Amino acid sequence: MKLHRIERQSDWQDIPAEDLNFFQKIAKKTHGIVTPGNVITTIGLGLVIDGCNDLDQNPNKALIKVSAGRVADYLDGIVADKTQTKSKIGEAADVMADKIAALALLKSINDNKLLSNSFLNFLVLQNSANSSLGLYSKLSHQELHSSKNGKIATALQTGIFMTSIASYTLEKSYPTHQKEVRKIQNLLTLLTIPTIVMSALATYDYLNGQS
């Protein structure tokens, strides 16, 4: 699992100007703001938010947009690594984009009643706690890291979100496919417990400053 993480301030730190690659030169000139990873992070977040807005009226389009947006979340770290443009700014952007995307999905899923209230409340509290802890860490000038447990929890939550949206899309667009809907709902049930466990571990990591 590729974490968008770096121990130094940036990959291009201490590299002579003449040895910087094309992407590193742009990253250095923009103080780490314009990098391939950050561009993918931003596009992915935009797709998720746009997809959430489409869920009620056009679930098929919403499913495609949200899926593409969440795939982008796994590509940004890989691209940042390949182009040697990882930075503290990119890492922070990746973490915050994860939280914003999760909260946008939770709101949309809640508005459309796709998950139980108790499970939704847990996810809202967990994501809000992690976002608050991350913001506090940033304001305190401490390191902001996404742990492996955090990434696993994010992946499981994404699985929950995508499964619930897929079930809703199939039920609304293809009402005769009830057998397939039940299979997807069974998968949703299977994902619930590991999602709760890993989400709790992710918050524990944040509380204990682990990365």
C-alpha atoms as a PDB file:
ATOM      1  CA  MET A   1       0.000   0.000   0.000  1.00  0.00           C
ATOM      2  CA  LYS A   2       1.590   3.267  -1.147  1.00  0.00           C
ATOM      3  CA  LEU A   3       1.296   5.987   1.466  1.00  0.00           C
ATOM      4  CA  HIS A   4       1.651   9.583   0.245  1.00  0.00           C
ATOM      5  CA  ARG A   5       4.308  10.128   2.909  1.00  0.00           C
ATOM      6  CA  ILE A   6       7.805  11.593   3.201  1.00  0.00           C
ATOM      7  CA  GLU A   7      10.159  12.045   6.142  1.00  0.00           C
ATOM      8  CA  ARG A   8      11.875  15.132   4.699  1.00  0.00           C
ATOM      9  CA  GLN A   9      10.116  18.354   3.672  1.00  0.00           C
ATOM     10  CA  SER A  10      10.166  17.264   0.031  1.00  0.00           C
ATOM     11  CA  ASP A  11      11.752  14.810  -2.418  1.00  0.00           C
ATOM     12  CA  TRP A  12      13.565  17.666  -4.156  1.00  0.00           C
ATOM     13  CA  GLN A  13      15.097  19.014  -0.975  1.00  0.00           C
ATOM     14  CA  ASP A  14      18.891  19.423  -1.247  1.00  0.00           C
ATOM     15  CA  ILE A  15      18.943  18.370  -4.917  1.00  0.00           C
ATOM     16  CA  PRO A  16      20.948  20.798  -7.118  1.00  0.00           C
ATOM     17  CA  ALA A  17      18.762  22.800  -9.525  1.00  0.00           C
ATOM     18  CA  GLU A  18      20.417  21.232 -12.581  1.00  0.00           C
ATOM     19  CA  ASP A  19      19.556  17.726 -11.352  1.00  0.00           C
ATOM     20  CA  LEU A  20      15.841  18.356 -10.758  1.00  0.00           C
ATOM     21  CA  ASN A  21      13.432  16.573 -13.073  1.00  0.00           C
ATOM     22  CA  PHE A  22      10.651  18.441 -14.917  1.00  0.00           C
ATOM     23  CA  PHE A  23       8.044  17.834 -12.239  1.00  0.00           C
ATOM     24  CA  GLN A  24      10.406  18.689  -9.399  1.00  0.00           C
ATOM     25  CA  LYS A  25      11.243  22.035 -11.014  1.00  0.00           C
ATOM     26  CA  ILE A  26       7.547  22.964 -11.125  1.00  0.00           C
ATOM     27  CA  ALA A  27       7.036  21.706  -7.567  1.00  0.00           C
ATOM     28  CA  LYS A  28       9.969  23.746  -6.293  1.00  0.00           C
ATOM     29  CA  LYS A  29       8.810  26.922  -8.068  1.00  0.00           C
ATOM     30  CA  THR A  30       5.309  26.550  -6.574  1.00  0.00           C
ATOM     31  CA  HIS A  31       6.597  25.609  -3.101  1.00  0.00           C
ATOM     32  CA  GLY A  32       5.163  22.096  -3.388  1.00  0.00           C
ATOM     33  CA  ILE A  33       1.658  23.144  -4.353  1.00  0.00           C
ATOM     34  CA  VAL A  34       1.625  22.152  -8.040  1.00  0.00           C
ATOM     35  CA  THR A  35       2.675  18.506  -8.271  1.00  0.00           C
ATOM     36  CA  PRO A  36       1.226  15.561 -10.212  1.00  0.00           C
ATOM     37  CA  GLY A  37       0.062  13.936  -6.968  1.00  0.00           C
ATOM     38  CA  ASN A  38      -1.685  17.081  -5.762  1.00  0.00           C
ATOM     39  CA  VAL A  39      -3.409  17.528  -9.125  1.00  0.00           C
ATOM     40  CA  ILE A  40      -4.742  13.951  -8.953  1.00  0.00           C
ATOM     41  CA  THR A  41      -5.796  14.448  -5.313  1.00  0.00           C
ATOM     42  CA  THR A  42      -7.740  17.590  -6.243  1.00  0.00           C
ATOM     43  CA  ILE A  43      -9.408  16.016  -9.287  1.00  0.00           C
ATOM     44  CA  GLY A  44     -10.347  12.949  -7.257  1.00  0.00           C
ATOM     45  CA  LEU A  45     -11.923  15.019  -4.504  1.00  0.00           C
ATOM     46  CA  GLY A  46     -13.842  17.077  -7.066  1.00  0.00           C
ATOM     47  CA  LEU A  47     -15.210  13.916  -8.698  1.00  0.00           C
ATOM     48  CA  VAL A  48     -16.390  12.538  -5.361  1.00  0.00           C
ATOM     49  CA  ILE A  49     -18.155  15.767  -4.389  1.00  0.00           C
ATOM     50  CA  ASP A  50     -19.719  16.100  -7.848  1.00  0.00           C
ATOM     51  CA  GLY A  51     -20.822  12.461  -7.729  1.00  0.00           C
ATOM     52  CA  CYS A  52     -22.423  12.966  -4.330  1.00  0.00           C
ATOM     53  CA  ASN A  53     -24.464  15.830  -5.781  1.00  0.00           C
ATOM     54  CA  ASP A  54     -25.684  13.502  -8.558  1.00  0.00           C
ATOM     55  CA  LEU A  55     -26.678  10.590  -6.334  1.00  0.00           C
ATOM     56  CA  ASP A  56     -30.351  11.434  -5.878  1.00  0.00           C
ATOM     57  CA  GLN A  57     -31.169  12.288  -9.506  1.00  0.00           C
ATOM     58  CA  ASN A  58     -28.619  10.229 -11.432  1.00  0.00           C
ATOM     59  CA  PRO A  59     -27.196   7.341  -9.368  1.00  0.00           C
ATOM     60  CA  ASN A  60     -25.474   5.753 -12.384  1.00  0.00           C
ATOM     61  CA  LYS A  61     -23.454   8.892 -13.039  1.00  0.00           C
ATOM     62  CA  ALA A  62     -22.811   9.272  -9.310  1.00  0.00           C
ATOM     63  CA  LEU A  63     -21.420   5.739  -9.071  1.00  0.00           C
ATOM     64  CA  ILE A  64     -19.008   6.356 -11.969  1.00  0.00           C
ATOM     65  CA  LYS A  65     -17.794   9.703 -10.619  1.00  0.00           C
ATOM     66  CA  VAL A  66     -17.364   8.535  -7.038  1.00  0.00           C
ATOM     67  CA  SER A  67     -15.575   5.366  -8.193  1.00  0.00           C
ATOM     68  CA  ALA A  68     -13.165   7.388 -10.339  1.00  0.00           C
ATOM     69  CA  GLY A  69     -12.602   9.839  -7.506  1.00  0.00           C
ATOM     70  CA  ARG A  70     -11.726   7.133  -5.005  1.00  0.00           C
ATOM     71  CA  VAL A  71      -9.401   5.399  -7.500  1.00  0.00           C
ATOM     72  CA  ALA A  72      -7.591   8.742  -7.805  1.00  0.00           C
ATOM     73  CA  ASP A  73      -6.965   8.617  -4.065  1.00  0.00           C
ATOM     74  CA  TYR A  74      -4.884   5.475  -4.555  1.00  0.00           C
ATOM     75  CA  LEU A  75      -3.090   6.820  -7.614  1.00  0.00           C
ATOM     76  CA  ASP A  76      -1.877  10.112  -6.163  1.00  0.00           C
ATOM     77  CA  GLY A  77       0.724   8.529  -3.881  1.00  0.00           C
ATOM     78  CA  ILE A  78       1.982   6.231  -6.642  1.00  0.00           C
ATOM     79  CA  VAL A  79       2.339   9.139  -9.072  1.00  0.00           C
ATOM     80  CA  ALA A  80       4.021  11.314  -6.432  1.00  0.00           C
ATOM     81  CA  ASP A  81       6.501   8.520  -5.778  1.00  0.00           C
ATOM     82  CA  LYS A  82       7.208   7.861  -9.466  1.00  0.00           C
ATOM     83  CA  THR A  83       7.756  11.549 -10.241  1.00  0.00           C
ATOM     84  CA  GLN A  84       9.752  12.049  -7.014  1.00  0.00           C
ATOM     85  CA  THR A  85       7.513  14.923  -5.925  1.00  0.00           C
ATOM     86  CA  LYS A  86       6.337  13.768  -2.497  1.00  0.00           C
ATOM     87  CA  SER A  87       6.195  16.575   0.060  1.00  0.00           C
ATOM     88  CA  LYS A  88       4.710  17.510   3.402  1.00  0.00           C
ATOM     89  CA  ILE A  89       2.141  19.646   1.567  1.00  0.00           C
ATOM     90  CA  GLY A  90       1.134  16.712  -0.625  1.00  0.00           C
ATOM     91  CA  GLU A  91       0.853  14.401   2.353  1.00  0.00           C
ATOM     92  CA  ALA A  92      -1.354  16.874   4.228  1.00  0.00           C
ATOM     93  CA  ALA A  93      -3.487  17.461   1.120  1.00  0.00           C
ATOM     94  CA  ASP A  94      -3.971  13.713   0.694  1.00  0.00           C
ATOM     95  CA  VAL A  95      -5.060  13.246   4.307  1.00  0.00           C
ATOM     96  CA  MET A  96      -7.463  16.185   4.262  1.00  0.00           C
ATOM     97  CA  ALA A  97      -8.912  15.181   0.879  1.00  0.00           C
ATOM     98  CA  ASP A  98      -9.656  11.727   2.323  1.00  0.00           C
ATOM     99  CA  LYS A  99     -11.558  13.283   5.213  1.00  0.00           C
ATOM    100  CA  ILE A 100     -13.484  15.783   3.083  1.00  0.00           C
ATOM    101  CA  ALA A 101     -14.442  13.056   0.595  1.00  0.00           C
ATOM    102  CA  ALA A 102     -15.573  10.757   3.416  1.00  0.00           C
ATOM    103  CA  LEU A 103     -17.730  13.458   5.005  1.00  0.00           C
ATOM    104  CA  ALA A 104     -19.249  14.379   1.620  1.00  0.00           C
ATOM    105  CA  LEU A 105     -20.102  10.723   1.004  1.00  0.00           C
ATOM    106  CA  LEU A 106     -21.541  10.327   4.488  1.00  0.00           C
ATOM    107  CA  LYS A 107     -23.812  13.337   4.009  1.00  0.00           C
ATOM    108  CA  SER A 108     -25.027  12.094   0.631  1.00  0.00           C
ATOM    109  CA  ILE A 109     -25.561   8.551   1.904  1.00  0.00           C
ATOM    110  CA  ASN A 110     -27.421   9.878   4.938  1.00  0.00           C
ATOM    111  CA  ASP A 111     -29.626  12.126   2.760  1.00  0.00           C
ATOM    112  CA  ASN A 112     -30.574   9.118   0.651  1.00  0.00           C
ATOM    113  CA  LYS A 113     -30.936   6.702   3.623  1.00  0.00           C
ATOM    114  CA  LEU A 114     -28.508   4.127   2.246  1.00  0.00           C
ATOM    115  CA  LEU A 115     -27.074   2.935   5.591  1.00  0.00           C
ATOM    116  CA  SER A 116     -28.443   2.446   9.097  1.00  0.00           C
ATOM    117  CA  ASN A 117     -28.477   5.500  11.349  1.00  0.00           C
ATOM    118  CA  SER A 118     -26.329   3.822  14.026  1.00  0.00           C
ATOM    119  CA  PHE A 119     -23.583   2.840  11.562  1.00  0.00           C
ATOM    120  CA  LEU A 120     -23.703   6.251   9.894  1.00  0.00           C
ATOM    121  CA  ASN A 121     -23.437   7.985  13.267  1.00  0.00           C
ATOM    122  CA  PHE A 122     -20.356   5.912  14.093  1.00  0.00           C
ATOM    123  CA  LEU A 123     -18.700   6.790  10.781  1.00  0.00           C
ATOM    124  CA  VAL A 124     -19.537  10.480  11.149  1.00  0.00           C
ATOM    125  CA  LEU A 125     -18.112  10.587  14.682  1.00  0.00           C
ATOM    126  CA  GLN A 126     -14.980   8.650  13.683  1.00  0.00           C
ATOM    127  CA  ASN A 127     -14.247  10.801  10.639  1.00  0.00           C
ATOM    128  CA  SER A 128     -15.000  14.006  12.531  1.00  0.00           C
ATOM    129  CA  ALA A 129     -12.680  12.942  15.361  1.00  0.00           C
ATOM    130  CA  ASN A 130      -9.855  12.116  12.950  1.00  0.00           C
ATOM    131  CA  SER A 131     -10.338  15.394  11.077  1.00  0.00           C
ATOM    132  CA  SER A 132     -10.279  17.358  14.346  1.00  0.00           C
ATOM    133  CA  LEU A 133      -7.176  15.517  15.568  1.00  0.00           C
ATOM    134  CA  GLY A 134      -5.478  16.112  12.225  1.00  0.00           C
ATOM    135  CA  LEU A 135      -6.296  19.817  12.315  1.00  0.00           C
ATOM    136  CA  TYR A 136      -5.078  20.101  15.904  1.00  0.00           C
ATOM    137  CA  SER A 137      -1.840  18.359  14.920  1.00  0.00           C
ATOM    138  CA  LYS A 138      -1.344  20.769  12.053  1.00  0.00           C
ATOM    139  CA  LEU A 139      -2.052  23.852  14.184  1.00  0.00           C
ATOM    140  CA  SER A 140       0.367  22.522  16.803  1.00  0.00           C
ATOM    141  CA  HIS A 141       3.079  22.172  14.120  1.00  0.00           C
ATOM    142  CA  GLN A 142       3.226  18.426  14.643  1.00  0.00           C
ATOM    143  CA  GLU A 143       3.643  15.786  11.966  1.00  0.00           C
ATOM    144  CA  LEU A 144       0.424  14.937  10.089  1.00  0.00           C
ATOM    145  CA  HIS A 145       0.562  11.325   8.953  1.00  0.00           C
ATOM    146  CA  SER A 146      -1.948   8.806   7.712  1.00  0.00           C
ATOM    147  CA  SER A 147      -1.165   5.455   9.319  1.00  0.00           C
ATOM    148  CA  LYS A 148      -1.470   2.089   7.598  1.00  0.00           C
ATOM    149  CA  ASN A 149      -4.487   1.393   9.781  1.00  0.00           C
ATOM    150  CA  GLY A 150      -5.899   4.720   8.605  1.00  0.00           C
ATOM    151  CA  LYS A 151      -5.423   3.790   4.964  1.00  0.00           C
ATOM    152  CA  ILE A 152      -6.997   0.355   5.529  1.00  0.00           C
ATOM    153  CA  ALA A 153      -9.926   1.991   7.340  1.00  0.00           C
ATOM    154  CA  THR A 154     -10.314   4.467   4.477  1.00  0.00           C
ATOM    155  CA  ALA A 155     -10.273   1.583   1.973  1.00  0.00           C
ATOM    156  CA  LEU A 156     -12.921  -0.325   3.944  1.00  0.00           C
ATOM    157  CA  GLN A 157     -15.085   2.757   4.356  1.00  0.00           C
ATOM    158  CA  THR A 158     -14.748   3.375   0.629  1.00  0.00           C
ATOM    159  CA  GLY A 159     -15.888  -0.221   0.088  1.00  0.00           C
ATOM    160  CA  ILE A 160     -18.909   0.438   2.309  1.00  0.00           C
ATOM    161  CA  PHE A 161     -19.739   3.669   0.479  1.00  0.00           C
ATOM    162  CA  MET A 162     -19.334   2.172  -2.985  1.00  0.00           C
ATOM    163  CA  THR A 163     -21.299  -0.970  -2.088  1.00  0.00           C
ATOM    164  CA  SER A 164     -24.190   1.049  -0.686  1.00  0.00           C
ATOM    165  CA  ILE A 165     -24.220   3.341  -3.734  1.00  0.00           C
ATOM    166  CA  ALA A 166     -24.024   0.336  -6.088  1.00  0.00           C
ATOM    167  CA  SER A 167     -26.955  -1.310  -4.301  1.00  0.00           C
ATOM    168  CA  TYR A 168     -28.972   1.915  -4.474  1.00  0.00           C
ATOM    169  CA  THR A 169     -28.112   2.396  -8.162  1.00  0.00           C
ATOM    170  CA  LEU A 170     -29.088  -1.158  -9.089  1.00  0.00           C
ATOM    171  CA  GLU A 171     -32.315  -1.029  -7.093  1.00  0.00           C
ATOM    172  CA  LYS A 172     -33.360   2.332  -8.505  1.00  0.00           C
ATOM    173  CA  SER A 173     -32.282   1.867 -12.119  1.00  0.00           C
ATOM    174  CA  TYR A 174     -32.943  -1.867 -12.481  1.00  0.00           C
ATOM    175  CA  PRO A 175     -35.806  -2.771 -10.091  1.00  0.00           C
ATOM    176  CA  THR A 176     -36.118  -6.305 -11.505  1.00  0.00           C
ATOM    177  CA  HIS A 177     -32.589  -7.267 -10.367  1.00  0.00           C
ATOM    178  CA  GLN A 178     -33.508  -7.917  -6.731  1.00  0.00           C
ATOM    179  CA  LYS A 179     -31.292 -11.022  -6.483  1.00  0.00           C
ATOM    180  CA  GLU A 180     -28.227  -8.975  -7.368  1.00  0.00           C
ATOM    181  CA  VAL A 181     -29.286  -6.256  -4.912  1.00  0.00           C
ATOM    182  CA  ARG A 182     -29.456  -8.819  -2.098  1.00  0.00           C
ATOM    183  CA  LYS A 183     -25.951 -10.084  -2.953  1.00  0.00           C
ATOM    184  CA  ILE A 184     -24.562  -6.564  -2.757  1.00  0.00           C
ATOM    185  CA  GLN A 185     -26.368  -5.960   0.527  1.00  0.00           C
ATOM    186  CA  ASN A 186     -24.865  -9.182   1.923  1.00  0.00           C
ATOM    187  CA  LEU A 187     -21.414  -7.875   0.983  1.00  0.00           C
ATOM    188  CA  LEU A 188     -22.266  -4.646   2.768  1.00  0.00           C
ATOM    189  CA  THR A 189     -23.065  -6.611   5.911  1.00  0.00           C
ATOM    190  CA  LEU A 190     -19.761  -8.520   5.711  1.00  0.00           C
ATOM    191  CA  LEU A 191     -17.789  -5.272   5.469  1.00  0.00           C
ATOM    192  CA  THR A 192     -19.435  -3.651   8.486  1.00  0.00           C
ATOM    193  CA  ILE A 193     -17.524  -5.271  11.380  1.00  0.00           C
ATOM    194  CA  PRO A 194     -13.988  -4.997   9.903  1.00  0.00           C
ATOM    195  CA  THR A 195     -14.758  -1.392   8.955  1.00  0.00           C
ATOM    196  CA  ILE A 196     -15.721  -0.540  12.532  1.00  0.00           C
ATOM    197  CA  VAL A 197     -12.626  -2.274  13.937  1.00  0.00           C
ATOM    198  CA  MET A 198     -10.127  -0.678  11.550  1.00  0.00           C
ATOM    199  CA  SER A 199     -11.761   2.739  11.858  1.00  0.00           C
ATOM    200  CA  ALA A 200     -11.443   2.566  15.636  1.00  0.00           C
ATOM    201  CA  LEU A 201      -7.779   1.528  15.301  1.00  0.00           C
ATOM    202  CA  ALA A 202      -7.160   4.443  12.933  1.00  0.00           C
ATOM    203  CA  THR A 203      -8.531   6.892  15.496  1.00  0.00           C
ATOM    204  CA  TYR A 204      -6.433   5.197  18.199  1.00  0.00           C
ATOM    205  CA  ASP A 205      -3.351   5.788  16.031  1.00  0.00           C
ATOM    206  CA  TYR A 206      -4.208   9.484  15.709  1.00  0.00           C
ATOM    207  CA  LEU A 207      -4.750   9.799  19.476  1.00  0.00           C
ATOM    208  CA  ASN A 208      -1.378   8.193  20.206  1.00  0.00           C
ATOM    209  CA  GLY A 209       0.532  10.067  17.545  1.00  0.00           C
ATOM    210  CA  GLN A 210       1.398   6.895  15.635  1.00  0.00           C
ATOM    211  CA  SER A 211       2.091   7.017  11.915  1.00  0.00           C
END
